[in-house]
Amino acid sequence: MTLSPGNEKSKIAERLPLPGLAAISLYLLALAGVVILGVAGRHYPPLFLLFAAAFIAASAGLLLLLRWAWAMALGAVFLLAIYDLWIFSRLHELPVLVQGLLNLVFFLYLVRIEVRSKLR
């Protein structure tokens, strides 16, 4: 039994992550890089490297469409959104508000049914 070319393309398309998941993965990698540089520059305590490791793990797992990575990414962007919006309420700095709203957009994207249905 041979597969038609159209059927092969649909199977490949099912395994590819959604573009939004790839963007969130890159965002989590960038956050991990910022944390690592912050620890290296002694702006953050070395314990923050655990966050960087979690961000890297969630980023890699999200690209592989793993459900546990989705949960980690969902928790990370939600907590970061809450933290950024709380910091904005205290300091009234625009960049913190922008990052908080970006995290909120990522959270709302991750809870979509289409995203959850692609995960394994």
N, C-alpha and C. Protein backbone atom coordinates (compact mmCIF):
# COMPACT_ATOMS: atom_id res chain seq x y z
N MET A 1 0.85 -1.18 0.00
CA MET A 1 0.00 0.00 0.00
C MET A 1 0.89 1.24 0.00
N THR A 2 0.70 2.11 -0.95
CA THR A 2 1.51 3.32 -1.06
C THR A 2 0.72 4.52 -0.56
N LEU A 3 1.44 5.43 -0.03
CA LEU A 3 0.81 6.67 0.44
C LEU A 3 0.87 7.72 -0.65
N SER A 4 -0.15 8.47 -0.77
CA SER A 4 -0.15 9.55 -1.75
C SER A 4 0.67 10.71 -1.20
N PRO A 5 1.22 11.55 -2.09
CA PRO A 5 2.04 12.68 -1.63
C PRO A 5 1.26 13.63 -0.73
N GLY A 6 0.01 13.81 -0.95
CA GLY A 6 -0.80 14.70 -0.12
C GLY A 6 -0.94 14.18 1.29
N ASN A 7 -1.05 12.86 1.43
CA ASN A 7 -1.17 12.25 2.74
C ASN A 7 0.13 12.38 3.53
N GLU A 8 1.26 12.26 2.87
CA GLU A 8 2.56 12.40 3.53
C GLU A 8 2.74 13.83 4.03
N LYS A 9 2.31 14.81 3.25
CA LYS A 9 2.44 16.21 3.66
C LYS A 9 1.58 16.50 4.88
N SER A 10 0.40 15.91 4.95
CA SER A 10 -0.46 16.16 6.10
C SER A 10 0.11 15.54 7.36
N LYS A 11 0.78 14.39 7.25
CA LYS A 11 1.41 13.79 8.43
C LYS A 11 2.58 14.63 8.91
N ILE A 12 3.34 15.20 7.99
CA ILE A 12 4.45 16.07 8.37
C ILE A 12 3.91 17.34 9.01
N ALA A 13 2.84 17.88 8.47
CA ALA A 13 2.26 19.11 9.02
C ALA A 13 1.72 18.88 10.43
N GLU A 14 1.25 17.66 10.73
CA GLU A 14 0.76 17.37 12.07
C GLU A 14 1.87 17.39 13.10
N ARG A 15 3.08 17.03 12.69
CA ARG A 15 4.20 16.94 13.63
C ARG A 15 4.91 18.27 13.84
N LEU A 16 4.72 19.23 12.95
CA LEU A 16 5.37 20.52 13.09
C LEU A 16 4.67 21.35 14.16
N PRO A 17 5.43 22.08 14.96
CA PRO A 17 4.79 22.94 15.96
C PRO A 17 4.12 24.14 15.28
N LEU A 18 3.14 24.68 15.95
CA LEU A 18 2.50 25.89 15.46
C LEU A 18 3.49 27.05 15.51
N PRO A 19 3.36 28.02 14.62
CA PRO A 19 4.32 29.14 14.62
C PRO A 19 4.35 29.88 15.95
N GLY A 20 3.23 29.99 16.61
CA GLY A 20 3.20 30.65 17.91
C GLY A 20 4.00 29.90 18.96
N LEU A 21 3.96 28.56 18.90
CA LEU A 21 4.74 27.77 19.84
C LEU A 21 6.23 27.96 19.60
N ALA A 22 6.62 28.09 18.35
CA ALA A 22 8.02 28.34 18.04
C ALA A 22 8.44 29.71 18.57
N ALA A 23 7.57 30.70 18.44
CA ALA A 23 7.89 32.04 18.95
C ALA A 23 8.00 32.04 20.47
N ILE A 24 7.11 31.33 21.14
CA ILE A 24 7.16 31.26 22.59
C ILE A 24 8.42 30.51 23.03
N SER A 25 8.81 29.50 22.28
CA SER A 25 10.05 28.77 22.59
C SER A 25 11.27 29.69 22.48
N LEU A 26 11.31 30.48 21.44
CA LEU A 26 12.42 31.44 21.30
C LEU A 26 12.41 32.48 22.42
N TYR A 27 11.22 32.90 22.81
CA TYR A 27 11.09 33.86 23.90
C TYR A 27 11.62 33.26 25.21
N LEU A 28 11.27 32.00 25.48
CA LEU A 28 11.75 31.35 26.69
C LEU A 28 13.27 31.17 26.65
N LEU A 29 13.81 30.87 25.47
CA LEU A 29 15.26 30.78 25.34
C LEU A 29 15.93 32.13 25.59
N ALA A 30 15.32 33.19 25.09
CA ALA A 30 15.86 34.53 25.33
C ALA A 30 15.82 34.88 26.82
N LEU A 31 14.73 34.52 27.49
CA LEU A 31 14.64 34.76 28.93
C LEU A 31 15.71 33.97 29.68
N ALA A 32 15.95 32.73 29.25
CA ALA A 32 17.00 31.93 29.89
C ALA A 32 18.36 32.59 29.69
N GLY A 33 18.60 33.11 28.49
CA GLY A 33 19.86 33.81 28.24
C GLY A 33 20.02 35.04 29.11
N VAL A 34 18.95 35.79 29.30
CA VAL A 34 19.00 36.98 30.15
C VAL A 34 19.31 36.59 31.59
N VAL A 35 18.69 35.52 32.05
CA VAL A 35 18.94 35.06 33.42
C VAL A 35 20.39 34.61 33.57
N ILE A 36 20.89 33.85 32.60
CA ILE A 36 22.28 33.38 32.67
C ILE A 36 23.25 34.55 32.68
N LEU A 37 23.01 35.52 31.81
CA LEU A 37 23.88 36.71 31.81
C LEU A 37 23.76 37.51 33.10
N GLY A 38 22.57 37.55 33.66
CA GLY A 38 22.37 38.24 34.94
C GLY A 38 23.11 37.57 36.08
N VAL A 39 23.13 36.24 36.07
CA VAL A 39 23.88 35.52 37.09
C VAL A 39 25.37 35.71 36.88
N ALA A 40 25.82 35.67 35.63
CA ALA A 40 27.24 35.86 35.33
C ALA A 40 27.70 37.27 35.71
N GLY A 41 26.83 38.26 35.54
CA GLY A 41 27.16 39.63 35.90
C GLY A 41 26.88 39.96 37.35
N ARG A 42 26.49 38.96 38.12
CA ARG A 42 26.21 39.09 39.56
C ARG A 42 25.04 40.03 39.86
N HIS A 43 24.09 40.13 38.93
CA HIS A 43 22.87 40.89 39.18
C HIS A 43 21.81 40.03 39.85
N TYR A 44 21.87 38.72 39.58
CA TYR A 44 20.95 37.75 40.17
C TYR A 44 21.74 36.73 40.98
N PRO A 45 21.12 36.15 41.98
CA PRO A 45 21.81 35.09 42.72
C PRO A 45 21.95 33.83 41.87
N PRO A 46 22.94 32.99 42.15
CA PRO A 46 23.15 31.76 41.35
C PRO A 46 21.95 30.81 41.36
N LEU A 47 21.10 30.92 42.36
CA LEU A 47 19.91 30.07 42.42
C LEU A 47 18.99 30.30 41.23
N PHE A 48 19.07 31.47 40.61
CA PHE A 48 18.24 31.79 39.45
C PHE A 48 18.58 30.92 38.24
N LEU A 49 19.71 30.24 38.28
CA LEU A 49 20.05 29.34 37.17
C LEU A 49 19.04 28.19 37.05
N LEU A 50 18.33 27.90 38.15
CA LEU A 50 17.27 26.90 38.08
C LEU A 50 16.15 27.36 37.16
N PHE A 51 15.85 28.67 37.21
CA PHE A 51 14.84 29.22 36.30
C PHE A 51 15.30 29.11 34.85
N ALA A 52 16.58 29.41 34.63
CA ALA A 52 17.11 29.32 33.27
C ALA A 52 17.01 27.88 32.75
N ALA A 53 17.33 26.92 33.59
CA ALA A 53 17.24 25.52 33.18
C ALA A 53 15.79 25.13 32.88
N ALA A 54 14.86 25.62 33.70
CA ALA A 54 13.44 25.33 33.46
C ALA A 54 12.96 25.98 32.17
N PHE A 55 13.41 27.20 31.89
CA PHE A 55 13.02 27.87 30.65
C PHE A 55 13.56 27.12 29.43
N ILE A 56 14.79 26.64 29.52
CA ILE A 56 15.39 25.90 28.40
C ILE A 56 14.65 24.58 28.19
N ALA A 57 14.34 23.88 29.28
CA ALA A 57 13.61 22.61 29.17
C ALA A 57 12.22 22.83 28.59
N ALA A 58 11.53 23.87 29.05
CA ALA A 58 10.19 24.15 28.52
C ALA A 58 10.26 24.54 27.05
N SER A 59 11.28 25.27 26.66
CA SER A 59 11.43 25.69 25.27
C SER A 59 11.64 24.48 24.36
N ALA A 60 12.54 23.60 24.76
CA ALA A 60 12.82 22.41 23.94
C ALA A 60 11.60 21.49 23.88
N GLY A 61 10.95 21.29 25.01
CA GLY A 61 9.77 20.42 25.03
C GLY A 61 8.61 20.99 24.25
N LEU A 62 8.48 22.30 24.25
CA LEU A 62 7.40 22.94 23.50
C LEU A 62 7.57 22.73 22.00
N LEU A 63 8.83 22.77 21.54
CA LEU A 63 9.07 22.50 20.12
C LEU A 63 8.76 21.06 19.75
N LEU A 64 8.89 20.16 20.73
CA LEU A 64 8.57 18.74 20.49
C LEU A 64 7.10 18.43 20.77
N LEU A 65 6.33 19.47 21.10
CA LEU A 65 4.89 19.36 21.36
C LEU A 65 4.57 18.45 22.54
N LEU A 66 5.34 18.55 23.60
CA LEU A 66 5.12 17.74 24.79
C LEU A 66 4.22 18.49 25.77
N ARG A 67 3.29 17.76 26.36
CA ARG A 67 2.30 18.37 27.24
C ARG A 67 2.93 18.94 28.51
N TRP A 68 3.92 18.27 29.08
CA TRP A 68 4.55 18.78 30.30
C TRP A 68 5.27 20.11 30.03
N ALA A 69 5.83 20.24 28.84
CA ALA A 69 6.51 21.49 28.49
C ALA A 69 5.48 22.60 28.30
N TRP A 70 4.32 22.25 27.76
CA TRP A 70 3.25 23.23 27.61
C TRP A 70 2.84 23.74 28.99
N ALA A 71 2.72 22.85 29.96
CA ALA A 71 2.34 23.25 31.31
C ALA A 71 3.41 24.15 31.93
N MET A 72 4.68 23.80 31.71
CA MET A 72 5.76 24.65 32.25
C MET A 72 5.75 26.03 31.61
N ALA A 73 5.58 26.07 30.29
CA ALA A 73 5.56 27.35 29.59
C ALA A 73 4.35 28.17 30.00
N LEU A 74 3.21 27.52 30.15
CA LEU A 74 2.00 28.20 30.58
C LEU A 74 2.19 28.83 31.95
N GLY A 75 2.74 28.07 32.87
CA GLY A 75 3.00 28.60 34.21
C GLY A 75 4.01 29.73 34.19
N ALA A 76 5.04 29.58 33.38
CA ALA A 76 6.09 30.61 33.32
C ALA A 76 5.54 31.93 32.79
N VAL A 77 4.83 31.89 31.67
CA VAL A 77 4.34 33.15 31.10
C VAL A 77 3.25 33.77 31.98
N PHE A 78 2.45 32.93 32.64
CA PHE A 78 1.42 33.48 33.53
C PHE A 78 2.05 34.17 34.73
N LEU A 79 3.00 33.50 35.37
CA LEU A 79 3.65 34.10 36.54
C LEU A 79 4.45 35.34 36.16
N LEU A 80 5.10 35.30 35.00
CA LEU A 80 5.84 36.47 34.55
C LEU A 80 4.90 37.63 34.23
N ALA A 81 3.74 37.33 33.66
CA ALA A 81 2.77 38.39 33.37
C ALA A 81 2.28 39.04 34.66
N ILE A 82 1.95 38.23 35.64
CA ILE A 82 1.48 38.76 36.92
C ILE A 82 2.58 39.59 37.58
N TYR A 83 3.81 39.07 37.57
CA TYR A 83 4.93 39.78 38.18
C TYR A 83 5.19 41.12 37.47
N ASP A 84 5.22 41.10 36.14
CA ASP A 84 5.48 42.33 35.40
C ASP A 84 4.38 43.37 35.62
N LEU A 85 3.14 42.93 35.64
CA LEU A 85 2.05 43.88 35.86
C LEU A 85 2.07 44.42 37.29
N TRP A 86 2.50 43.61 38.25
CA TRP A 86 2.63 44.09 39.62
C TRP A 86 3.77 45.13 39.70
N ILE A 87 4.89 44.84 39.05
CA ILE A 87 6.01 45.79 39.03
C ILE A 87 5.58 47.10 38.36
N PHE A 88 4.79 46.99 37.28
CA PHE A 88 4.30 48.21 36.62
C PHE A 88 3.42 49.03 37.55
N SER A 89 2.60 48.35 38.35
CA SER A 89 1.73 49.10 39.26
C SER A 89 2.53 49.85 40.32
N ARG A 90 3.74 49.38 40.61
CA ARG A 90 4.60 50.03 41.60
C ARG A 90 5.49 51.10 41.00
N LEU A 91 6.10 50.80 39.85
CA LEU A 91 7.12 51.69 39.28
C LEU A 91 6.64 52.55 38.11
N HIS A 92 5.56 52.13 37.45
CA HIS A 92 5.01 52.85 36.30
C HIS A 92 6.02 53.03 35.17
N GLU A 93 6.71 51.95 34.83
CA GLU A 93 7.67 51.97 33.73
C GLU A 93 7.07 51.24 32.54
N LEU A 94 7.11 51.89 31.38
CA LEU A 94 6.47 51.35 30.19
C LEU A 94 7.06 50.01 29.72
N PRO A 95 8.38 49.80 29.71
CA PRO A 95 8.91 48.50 29.24
C PRO A 95 8.39 47.31 30.05
N VAL A 96 8.18 47.52 31.33
CA VAL A 96 7.66 46.43 32.17
C VAL A 96 6.21 46.12 31.78
N LEU A 97 5.44 47.16 31.47
CA LEU A 97 4.06 46.95 31.02
C LEU A 97 4.03 46.20 29.70
N VAL A 98 4.91 46.56 28.77
CA VAL A 98 4.95 45.89 27.47
C VAL A 98 5.30 44.42 27.64
N GLN A 99 6.28 44.12 28.48
CA GLN A 99 6.65 42.72 28.69
C GLN A 99 5.52 41.96 29.38
N GLY A 100 4.84 42.60 30.32
CA GLY A 100 3.71 41.95 30.98
C GLY A 100 2.58 41.65 30.01
N LEU A 101 2.29 42.58 29.13
CA LEU A 101 1.23 42.35 28.13
C LEU A 101 1.64 41.29 27.11
N LEU A 102 2.93 41.26 26.76
CA LEU A 102 3.42 40.21 25.86
C LEU A 102 3.27 38.84 26.51
N ASN A 103 3.61 38.74 27.78
CA ASN A 103 3.42 37.47 28.49
C ASN A 103 1.95 37.09 28.56
N LEU A 104 1.08 38.07 28.73
CA LEU A 104 -0.35 37.80 28.76
C LEU A 104 -0.85 37.29 27.40
N VAL A 105 -0.34 37.87 26.32
CA VAL A 105 -0.70 37.40 24.97
C VAL A 105 -0.23 35.96 24.77
N PHE A 106 0.99 35.65 25.22
CA PHE A 106 1.49 34.29 25.12
C PHE A 106 0.64 33.33 25.94
N PHE A 107 0.21 33.75 27.12
CA PHE A 107 -0.65 32.91 27.95
C PHE A 107 -1.97 32.63 27.23
N LEU A 108 -2.57 33.67 26.68
CA LEU A 108 -3.85 33.48 25.99
C LEU A 108 -3.70 32.61 24.75
N TYR A 109 -2.53 32.66 24.10
CA TYR A 109 -2.29 31.78 22.95
C TYR A 109 -2.15 30.33 23.40
N LEU A 110 -1.46 30.12 24.50
CA LEU A 110 -1.21 28.75 24.96
C LEU A 110 -2.47 28.05 25.44
N VAL A 111 -3.47 28.78 25.90
CA VAL A 111 -4.68 28.13 26.40
C VAL A 111 -5.70 27.84 25.30
N ARG A 112 -5.38 28.19 24.07
CA ARG A 112 -6.30 27.92 22.97
C ARG A 112 -6.47 26.41 22.77
N ILE A 113 -7.64 26.01 22.37
CA ILE A 113 -7.94 24.59 22.16
C ILE A 113 -7.09 24.02 21.03
N GLU A 114 -6.85 24.80 19.98
CA GLU A 114 -6.04 24.31 18.85
C GLU A 114 -4.62 23.97 19.30
N VAL A 115 -4.09 24.74 20.22
CA VAL A 115 -2.73 24.50 20.71
C VAL A 115 -2.73 23.23 21.57
N ARG A 116 -3.68 23.12 22.48
CA ARG A 116 -3.71 21.95 23.37
C ARG A 116 -3.97 20.66 22.60
N SER A 117 -4.71 20.74 21.51
CA SER A 117 -5.01 19.51 20.76
C SER A 117 -3.81 19.00 19.97
N LYS A 118 -2.79 19.83 19.71
CA LYS A 118 -1.60 19.40 18.99
C LYS A 118 -0.58 18.71 19.88
N LEU A 119 -0.74 18.84 21.19
CA LEU A 119 0.26 18.31 22.13
C LEU A 119 0.10 16.80 22.33
N ARG A 120 1.22 16.16 22.69
CA ARG A 120 1.17 14.73 22.99
C ARG A 120 1.45 14.52 24.46
